[in-house]
Amino acid sequence: MTATSRSIAARRPSATALAIRAGALTLLAGAALALLAHGSARAADAPAADTSDQVIVPQVERREVHKPKYPSNDFEIGLFAGSYTAQNFGTHFDWGARVGYDITEDFFVEASYRRTKVSDAEFRNILPGGIFTTEQQKLQSYDLSLGWNFLPGEVFIGRNWAKASTMYAIGGLGSTKFDSQRMQTWNFGLGAKLFLADWVALRADVRDHIYTLDLLGKRGSTQNPEVTVGFAFFF
């Protein structure tokens, strides 16, 4: 054997070294396969990611809530006084009362009663005995009317005060009793309210009461204007 052959033979690994290397490679391959199998199993067991939107429902304990009872103030009662001009018989003091109900913010209904005394003193200077059986006769009237708040707003009192107000148109049908006669009566007019507080208002009205009367020998329609002021109370 030459020197070169001996050198190559010396560099060749022995059979034992080859066996050790083969065993190490086998162990490394087995460990790698085990790691790959474990990773695949964990990936298969993991839940799929949910990409849809999730709604979170808060767990809030519900409790009973009692609403406060606020007064509606839809009902109105009031007193008024002023002057009533009976056609042909002059102007006289009258007074009365009213009850109303607000159907909506714009419309309301109202029932009213008024009374006054009418005198024929001027006729007694011309006609002996006058027109009436006595110099003064009681006049009473009842009305049921519908009102329309056409101009709600505020009234400014000085620089620092403002009060709610409204103007309204009103009209309706009723009855007038005068000198033993009872006449169907129409009424039309305008009015205004100035609210001093939530429960009280100052009120002014101008109305015309129209009815047919037969006292001077001829039956005819009469115009009987009325101007009143008063207070209205709401509840």
Foldseek 3Di string as FASTA:
>chain_A
DDPVVVVVVVPDDDPVVVVVVVVVVVVVVVVVVVVVVVVVVVVVPDDDDDPDDDDDDDPDDDDDDDDDDDDPLFKKKKKKKFWKQWPPFGIWIKIWMKIKGHPDPFKIKMKIKMKTKTAQVVQCVPDPCGQAVDRIKMKMKIWIKMKTFPAWDWDDDPDPDIWTKTKMKMKTWIWMAIRNDIWIKIKTWIKMWTDPDPFKTKIKIKMWIWTWDCRPPDIDITTMIIIMIIMMTTD
